[in-house]
Amino acid sequence: DDLDAALDRAVAAGARVEQAPATHAWGRIALL
């Protein structure tokens, strides 16, 4: 529901960001 909050939680748990959030016509995506 909230990409920024989910991204923060995943990174805090140890995920690595591969591609920062991007916005498209359908929504937002981040690759980790």
PDB file of all heavy atoms in Angstrom:
ATOM      1  N   ASP A   1       0.820  -1.219   0.000  1.00  0.00           N
ATOM      2  CA  ASP A   1       0.000   0.000   0.000  1.00  0.00           C
ATOM      3  C   ASP A   1       0.846   1.259   0.000  1.00  0.00           C
ATOM      4  O   ASP A   1       0.430   2.288  -0.530  1.00  0.00           O
ATOM      5  CB  ASP A   1      -0.933   0.019   1.216  1.00  0.00           C
ATOM      6  CG  ASP A   1      -1.992  -1.063   1.149  1.00  0.00           C
ATOM      7  OD1 ASP A   1      -2.422  -1.414   0.031  1.00  0.00           O
ATOM      8  OD2 ASP A   1      -2.394  -1.563   2.218  1.00  0.00           O
ATOM      9  N   ASP A   2       2.022   1.181   0.616  1.00  0.00           N
ATOM     10  CA  ASP A   2       2.904   2.349   0.752  1.00  0.00           C
ATOM     11  C   ASP A   2       4.312   1.917   0.382  1.00  0.00           C
ATOM     12  O   ASP A   2       5.015   1.315   1.201  1.00  0.00           O
ATOM     13  CB  ASP A   2       2.835   2.872   2.182  1.00  0.00           C
ATOM     14  CG  ASP A   2       3.685   4.110   2.425  1.00  0.00           C
ATOM     15  OD1 ASP A   2       4.642   4.373   1.665  1.00  0.00           O
ATOM     16  OD2 ASP A   2       3.399   4.813   3.411  1.00  0.00           O
ATOM     17  N   LEU A   3       4.728   2.202  -0.839  1.00  0.00           N
ATOM     18  CA  LEU A   3       6.030   1.747  -1.319  1.00  0.00           C
ATOM     19  C   LEU A   3       7.172   2.307  -0.484  1.00  0.00           C
ATOM     20  O   LEU A   3       8.107   1.581  -0.154  1.00  0.00           O
ATOM     21  CB  LEU A   3       6.226   2.106  -2.796  1.00  0.00           C
ATOM     22  CG  LEU A   3       7.484   1.480  -3.389  1.00  0.00           C
ATOM     23  CD1 LEU A   3       7.175   0.828  -4.702  1.00  0.00           C
ATOM     24  CD2 LEU A   3       8.573   2.493  -3.540  1.00  0.00           C
ATOM     25  N   ASP A   4       7.102   3.571  -0.113  1.00  0.00           N
ATOM     26  CA  ASP A   4       8.206   4.160   0.646  1.00  0.00           C
ATOM     27  C   ASP A   4       8.380   3.488   2.008  1.00  0.00           C
ATOM     28  O   ASP A   4       9.500   3.186   2.416  1.00  0.00           O
ATOM     29  CB  ASP A   4       7.992   5.668   0.803  1.00  0.00           C
ATOM     30  CG  ASP A   4       8.030   6.381  -0.542  1.00  0.00           C
ATOM     31  OD1 ASP A   4       8.911   6.067  -1.371  1.00  0.00           O
ATOM     32  OD2 ASP A   4       7.173   7.257  -0.769  1.00  0.00           O
ATOM     33  N   ALA A   5       7.277   3.221   2.696  1.00  0.00           N
ATOM     34  CA  ALA A   5       7.357   2.546   4.001  1.00  0.00           C
ATOM     35  C   ALA A   5       7.867   1.119   3.836  1.00  0.00           C
ATOM     36  O   ALA A   5       8.699   0.652   4.623  1.00  0.00           O
ATOM     37  CB  ALA A   5       5.996   2.562   4.690  1.00  0.00           C
ATOM     38  N   ALA A   6       7.380   0.416   2.812  1.00  0.00           N
ATOM     39  CA  ALA A   6       7.824  -0.958   2.568  1.00  0.00           C
ATOM     40  C   ALA A   6       9.305  -0.999   2.199  1.00  0.00           C
ATOM     41  O   ALA A   6      10.038  -1.894   2.631  1.00  0.00           O
ATOM     42  CB  ALA A   6       6.978  -1.598   1.466  1.00  0.00           C
ATOM     43  N   LEU A   7       9.745  -0.019   1.419  1.00  0.00           N
ATOM     44  CA  LEU A   7      11.151   0.061   1.039  1.00  0.00           C
ATOM     45  C   LEU A   7      12.024   0.286   2.272  1.00  0.00           C
ATOM     46  O   LEU A   7      13.038  -0.389   2.458  1.00  0.00           O
ATOM     47  CB  LEU A   7      11.354   1.182   0.019  1.00  0.00           C
ATOM     48  CG  LEU A   7      12.767   1.408  -0.495  1.00  0.00           C
ATOM     49  CD1 LEU A   7      13.285   0.180  -1.238  1.00  0.00           C
ATOM     50  CD2 LEU A   7      12.795   2.620  -1.406  1.00  0.00           C
ATOM     51  N   ASP A   8      11.623   1.209   3.123  1.00  0.00           N
ATOM     52  CA  ASP A   8      12.384   1.458   4.362  1.00  0.00           C
ATOM     53  C   ASP A   8      12.465   0.199   5.215  1.00  0.00           C
ATOM     54  O   ASP A   8      13.519  -0.135   5.753  1.00  0.00           O
ATOM     55  CB  ASP A   8      11.746   2.588   5.168  1.00  0.00           C
ATOM     56  CG  ASP A   8      11.922   3.961   4.525  1.00  0.00           C
ATOM     57  OD1 ASP A   8      12.763   4.103   3.612  1.00  0.00           O
ATOM     58  OD2 ASP A   8      11.195   4.892   4.941  1.00  0.00           O
ATOM     59  N   ARG A   9      11.330  -0.508   5.353  1.00  0.00           N
ATOM     60  CA  ARG A   9      11.291  -1.721   6.176  1.00  0.00           C
ATOM     61  C   ARG A   9      12.189  -2.803   5.572  1.00  0.00           C
ATOM     62  O   ARG A   9      12.948  -3.461   6.290  1.00  0.00           O
ATOM     63  CB  ARG A   9       9.846  -2.197   6.287  1.00  0.00           C
ATOM     64  CG  ARG A   9       9.629  -3.295   7.283  1.00  0.00           C
ATOM     65  CD  ARG A   9       8.152  -3.595   7.544  1.00  0.00           C
ATOM     66  NE  ARG A   9       7.377  -3.799   6.320  1.00  0.00           N
ATOM     67  CZ  ARG A   9       6.475  -2.945   5.838  1.00  0.00           C
ATOM     68  NH1 ARG A   9       6.217  -1.817   6.473  1.00  0.00           N
ATOM     69  NH2 ARG A   9       5.828  -3.212   4.725  1.00  0.00           N
ATOM     70  N   ALA A  10      12.144  -2.994   4.251  1.00  0.00           N
ATOM     71  CA  ALA A  10      12.964  -4.024   3.607  1.00  0.00           C
ATOM     72  C   ALA A  10      14.453  -3.708   3.733  1.00  0.00           C
ATOM     73  O   ALA A  10      15.260  -4.595   4.025  1.00  0.00           O
ATOM     74  CB  ALA A  10      12.562  -4.169   2.137  1.00  0.00           C
ATOM     75  N   VAL A  11      14.823  -2.464   3.521  1.00  0.00           N
ATOM     76  CA  VAL A  11      16.235  -2.070   3.640  1.00  0.00           C
ATOM     77  C   VAL A  11      16.718  -2.230   5.078  1.00  0.00           C
ATOM     78  O   VAL A  11      17.814  -2.735   5.323  1.00  0.00           O
ATOM     79  CB  VAL A  11      16.444  -0.639   3.104  1.00  0.00           C
ATOM     80  CG1 VAL A  11      17.820  -0.117   3.463  1.00  0.00           C
ATOM     81  CG2 VAL A  11      16.234  -0.606   1.587  1.00  0.00           C
ATOM     82  N   ALA A  12      15.896  -1.852   6.044  1.00  0.00           N
ATOM     83  CA  ALA A  12      16.269  -2.005   7.452  1.00  0.00           C
ATOM     84  C   ALA A  12      16.458  -3.479   7.810  1.00  0.00           C
ATOM     85  O   ALA A  12      17.273  -3.810   8.675  1.00  0.00           O
ATOM     86  CB  ALA A  12      15.209  -1.371   8.356  1.00  0.00           C
ATOM     87  N   ALA A  13      15.733  -4.366   7.121  1.00  0.00           N
ATOM     88  CA  ALA A  13      15.854  -5.799   7.373  1.00  0.00           C
ATOM     89  C   ALA A  13      17.043  -6.424   6.655  1.00  0.00           C
ATOM     90  O   ALA A  13      17.391  -7.572   6.919  1.00  0.00           O
ATOM     91  CB  ALA A  13      14.564  -6.511   6.963  1.00  0.00           C
ATOM     92  N   GLY A  14      17.672  -5.684   5.719  1.00  0.00           N
ATOM     93  CA  GLY A  14      18.860  -6.195   5.042  1.00  0.00           C
ATOM     94  C   GLY A  14      18.787  -6.253   3.536  1.00  0.00           C
ATOM     95  O   GLY A  14      19.717  -6.740   2.890  1.00  0.00           O
ATOM     96  N   ALA A  15      17.706  -5.775   2.933  1.00  0.00           N
ATOM     97  CA  ALA A  15      17.602  -5.773   1.468  1.00  0.00           C
ATOM     98  C   ALA A  15      18.524  -4.717   0.872  1.00  0.00           C
ATOM     99  O   ALA A  15      18.849  -3.722   1.518  1.00  0.00           O
ATOM    100  CB  ALA A  15      16.161  -5.492   1.044  1.00  0.00           C
ATOM    101  N   ARG A  16      18.924  -4.949  -0.376  1.00  0.00           N
ATOM    102  CA  ARG A  16      19.738  -3.980  -1.128  1.00  0.00           C
ATOM    103  C   ARG A  16      18.878  -3.401  -2.241  1.00  0.00           C
ATOM    104  O   ARG A  16      18.211  -4.145  -2.975  1.00  0.00           O
ATOM    105  CB  ARG A  16      20.956  -4.664  -1.728  1.00  0.00           C
ATOM    106  CG  ARG A  16      21.952  -5.156  -0.697  1.00  0.00           C
ATOM    107  CD  ARG A  16      23.207  -5.737  -1.343  1.00  0.00           C
ATOM    108  NE  ARG A  16      22.945  -6.731  -2.378  1.00  0.00           N
ATOM    109  CZ  ARG A  16      22.850  -8.032  -2.162  1.00  0.00           C
ATOM    110  NH1 ARG A  16      22.980  -8.522  -0.961  1.00  0.00           N
ATOM    111  NH2 ARG A  16      22.641  -8.860  -3.172  1.00  0.00           N
ATOM    112  N   VAL A  17      18.915  -2.099  -2.396  1.00  0.00           N
ATOM    113  CA  VAL A  17      18.165  -1.447  -3.464  1.00  0.00           C
ATOM    114  C   VAL A  17      18.942  -1.605  -4.766  1.00  0.00           C
ATOM    115  O   VAL A  17      20.103  -1.231  -4.859  1.00  0.00           O
ATOM    116  CB  VAL A  17      17.923   0.045  -3.154  1.00  0.00           C
ATOM    117  CG1 VAL A  17      17.234   0.735  -4.321  1.00  0.00           C
ATOM    118  CG2 VAL A  17      17.125   0.203  -1.866  1.00  0.00           C
ATOM    119  N   GLU A  18      18.284  -2.162  -5.771  1.00  0.00           N
ATOM    120  CA  GLU A  18      18.861  -2.321  -7.104  1.00  0.00           C
ATOM    121  C   GLU A  18      18.450  -1.159  -8.003  1.00  0.00           C
ATOM    122  O   GLU A  18      19.204  -0.736  -8.853  1.00  0.00           O
ATOM    123  CB  GLU A  18      18.391  -3.640  -7.731  1.00  0.00           C
ATOM    124  CG  GLU A  18      18.844  -4.866  -6.971  1.00  0.00           C
ATOM    125  CD  GLU A  18      20.288  -5.186  -7.239  1.00  0.00           C
ATOM    126  OE1 GLU A  18      20.693  -5.183  -8.411  1.00  0.00           O
ATOM    127  OE2 GLU A  18      21.020  -5.445  -6.268  1.00  0.00           O
ATOM    128  N   GLN A  19      17.210  -0.721  -7.844  1.00  0.00           N
ATOM    129  CA  GLN A  19      16.700   0.422  -8.606  1.00  0.00           C
ATOM    130  C   GLN A  19      15.749   1.190  -7.700  1.00  0.00           C
ATOM    131  O   GLN A  19      14.806   0.626  -7.159  1.00  0.00           O
ATOM    132  CB  GLN A  19      15.961  -0.048  -9.859  1.00  0.00           C
ATOM    133  CG  GLN A  19      15.409   1.090 -10.688  1.00  0.00           C
ATOM    134  CD  GLN A  19      14.684   0.589 -11.923  1.00  0.00           C
ATOM    135  OE1 GLN A  19      14.911  -0.515 -12.396  1.00  0.00           O
ATOM    136  NE2 GLN A  19      13.796   1.398 -12.437  1.00  0.00           N
ATOM    137  N   ALA A  20      16.012   2.476  -7.539  1.00  0.00           N
ATOM    138  CA  ALA A  20      15.181   3.327  -6.691  1.00  0.00           C
ATOM    139  C   ALA A  20      13.754   3.367  -7.244  1.00  0.00           C
ATOM    140  O   ALA A  20      13.524   3.067  -8.424  1.00  0.00           O
ATOM    141  CB  ALA A  20      15.765   4.736  -6.642  1.00  0.00           C
ATOM    142  N   PRO A  21      12.791   3.751  -6.427  1.00  0.00           N
ATOM    143  CA  PRO A  21      11.401   3.797  -6.885  1.00  0.00           C
ATOM    144  C   PRO A  21      11.233   4.642  -8.144  1.00  0.00           C
ATOM    145  O   PRO A  21      11.817   5.714  -8.277  1.00  0.00           O
ATOM    146  CB  PRO A  21      10.664   4.422  -5.708  1.00  0.00           C
ATOM    147  CG  PRO A  21      11.488   4.064  -4.513  1.00  0.00           C
ATOM    148  CD  PRO A  21      12.906   4.112  -5.002  1.00  0.00           C
ATOM    149  N   ALA A  22      10.428   4.105  -9.044  1.00  0.00           N
ATOM    150  CA  ALA A  22      10.077   4.796 -10.287  1.00  0.00           C
ATOM    151  C   ALA A  22       8.561   4.776 -10.411  1.00  0.00           C
ATOM    152  O   ALA A  22       7.911   3.817  -9.999  1.00  0.00           O
ATOM    153  CB  ALA A  22      10.722   4.109 -11.483  1.00  0.00           C
ATOM    154  N   THR A  23       8.010   5.826 -10.994  1.00  0.00           N
ATOM    155  CA  THR A  23       6.569   5.928 -11.171  1.00  0.00           C
ATOM    156  C   THR A  23       6.212   5.696 -12.632  1.00  0.00           C
ATOM    157  O   THR A  23       6.864   6.207 -13.541  1.00  0.00           O
ATOM    158  CB  THR A  23       6.072   7.318 -10.713  1.00  0.00           C
ATOM    159  OG1 THR A  23       6.445   7.496  -9.342  1.00  0.00           O
ATOM    160  CG2 THR A  23       4.569   7.439 -10.848  1.00  0.00           C
ATOM    161  N   HIS A  24       5.169   4.888 -12.837  1.00  0.00           N
ATOM    162  CA  HIS A  24       4.658   4.561 -14.161  1.00  0.00           C
ATOM    163  C   HIS A  24       3.163   4.849 -14.175  1.00  0.00           C
ATOM    164  O   HIS A  24       2.572   5.156 -13.143  1.00  0.00           O
ATOM    165  CB  HIS A  24       4.913   3.084 -14.484  1.00  0.00           C
ATOM    166  CG  HIS A  24       6.361   2.725 -14.443  1.00  0.00           C
ATOM    167  ND1 HIS A  24       7.202   2.878 -15.522  1.00  0.00           N
ATOM    168  CD2 HIS A  24       7.140   2.248 -13.430  1.00  0.00           C
ATOM    169  CE1 HIS A  24       8.425   2.490 -15.196  1.00  0.00           C
ATOM    170  NE2 HIS A  24       8.420   2.121 -13.927  1.00  0.00           N
ATOM    171  N   ALA A  25       2.532   4.710 -15.324  1.00  0.00           N
ATOM    172  CA  ALA A  25       1.100   4.963 -15.430  1.00  0.00           C
ATOM    173  C   ALA A  25       0.296   4.063 -14.497  1.00  0.00           C
ATOM    174  O   ALA A  25      -0.748   4.464 -13.985  1.00  0.00           O
ATOM    175  CB  ALA A  25       0.638   4.754 -16.878  1.00  0.00           C
ATOM    176  N   TRP A  26       0.755   2.871 -14.240  1.00  0.00           N
ATOM    177  CA  TRP A  26       0.041   1.893 -13.415  1.00  0.00           C
ATOM    178  C   TRP A  26       0.373   1.986 -11.927  1.00  0.00           C
ATOM    179  O   TRP A  26      -0.315   1.438 -11.082  1.00  0.00           O
ATOM    180  CB  TRP A  26       0.309   0.481 -13.912  1.00  0.00           C
ATOM    181  CG  TRP A  26       1.778   0.178 -14.052  1.00  0.00           C
ATOM    182  CD1 TRP A  26       2.531   0.304 -15.180  1.00  0.00           C
ATOM    183  CD2 TRP A  26       2.674  -0.254 -13.028  1.00  0.00           C
ATOM    184  NE1 TRP A  26       3.838  -0.029 -14.925  1.00  0.00           N
ATOM    185  CE2 TRP A  26       3.944  -0.377 -13.609  1.00  0.00           C
ATOM    186  CE3 TRP A  26       2.524  -0.560 -11.682  1.00  0.00           C
ATOM    187  CZ2 TRP A  26       5.055  -0.791 -12.892  1.00  0.00           C
ATOM    188  CZ3 TRP A  26       3.627  -0.963 -10.951  1.00  0.00           C
ATOM    189  CH2 TRP A  26       4.885  -1.085 -11.571  1.00  0.00           C
ATOM    190  N   GLY A  27       1.530   2.611 -11.580  1.00  0.00           N
ATOM    191  CA  GLY A  27       1.921   2.676 -10.170  1.00  0.00           C
ATOM    192  C   GLY A  27       3.407   2.895  -9.999  1.00  0.00           C
ATOM    193  O   GLY A  27       4.092   3.372 -10.907  1.00  0.00           O
ATOM    194  N   ARG A  28       3.903   2.510  -8.844  1.00  0.00           N
ATOM    195  CA  ARG A  28       5.317   2.692  -8.518  1.00  0.00           C
ATOM    196  C   ARG A  28       5.970   1.342  -8.303  1.00  0.00           C
ATOM    197  O   ARG A  28       5.332   0.396  -7.855  1.00  0.00           O
ATOM    198  CB  ARG A  28       5.452   3.538  -7.249  1.00  0.00           C
ATOM    199  CG  ARG A  28       4.849   4.925  -7.394  1.00  0.00           C
ATOM    200  CD  ARG A  28       4.947   5.729  -6.105  1.00  0.00           C
ATOM    201  NE  ARG A  28       6.355   6.015  -5.830  1.00  0.00           N
ATOM    202  CZ  ARG A  28       6.862   6.081  -4.599  1.00  0.00           C
ATOM    203  NH1 ARG A  28       6.114   5.880  -3.541  1.00  0.00           N
ATOM    204  NH2 ARG A  28       8.149   6.356  -4.434  1.00  0.00           N
ATOM    205  N   ILE A  29       7.284   1.286  -8.593  1.00  0.00           N
ATOM    206  CA  ILE A  29       8.035   0.046  -8.450  1.00  0.00           C
ATOM    207  C   ILE A  29       9.444   0.356  -7.972  1.00  0.00           C
ATOM    208  O   ILE A  29      10.046   1.358  -8.370  1.00  0.00           O
ATOM    209  CB  ILE A  29       8.080  -0.741  -9.787  1.00  0.00           C
ATOM    210  CG1 ILE A  29       8.778  -2.095  -9.614  1.00  0.00           C
ATOM    211  CG2 ILE A  29       8.710   0.093 -10.892  1.00  0.00           C
ATOM    212  CD1 ILE A  29       8.660  -3.004 -10.834  1.00  0.00           C
ATOM    213  N   ALA A  30       9.971  -0.501  -7.107  1.00  0.00           N
ATOM    214  CA  ALA A  30      11.372  -0.468  -6.696  1.00  0.00           C
ATOM    215  C   ALA A  30      11.906  -1.886  -6.826  1.00  0.00           C
ATOM    216  O   ALA A  30      11.196  -2.852  -6.521  1.00  0.00           O
ATOM    217  CB  ALA A  30      11.520   0.028  -5.262  1.00  0.00           C
ATOM    218  N   LEU A  31      13.144  -2.029  -7.301  1.00  0.00           N
ATOM    219  CA  LEU A  31      13.780  -3.329  -7.443  1.00  0.00           C
ATOM    220  C   LEU A  31      14.819  -3.485  -6.349  1.00  0.00           C
ATOM    221  O   LEU A  31      15.631  -2.580  -6.125  1.00  0.00           O
ATOM    222  CB  LEU A  31      14.449  -3.460  -8.815  1.00  0.00           C
ATOM    223  CG  LEU A  31      13.532  -3.728 -10.003  1.00  0.00           C
ATOM    224  CD1 LEU A  31      12.621  -2.567 -10.291  1.00  0.00           C
ATOM    225  CD2 LEU A  31      14.349  -4.082 -11.223  1.00  0.00           C
ATOM    226  N   LEU A  32      14.786  -4.642  -5.681  1.00  0.00           N
ATOM    227  CA  LEU A  32      15.679  -4.910  -4.566  1.00  0.00           C
ATOM    228  C   LEU A  32      16.234  -6.325  -4.660  1.00  0.00           C
ATOM    229  O   LEU A  32      15.825  -7.099  -5.517  1.00  0.00           O
ATOM    230  CB  LEU A  32      14.931  -4.762  -3.231  1.00  0.00           C
ATOM    231  CG  LEU A  32      14.348  -3.394  -2.944  1.00  0.00           C
ATOM    232  CD1 LEU A  32      12.894  -3.332  -3.347  1.00  0.00           C
ATOM    233  CD2 LEU A  32      14.495  -3.053  -1.489  1.00  0.00           C
TER     234      LEU A  32
END
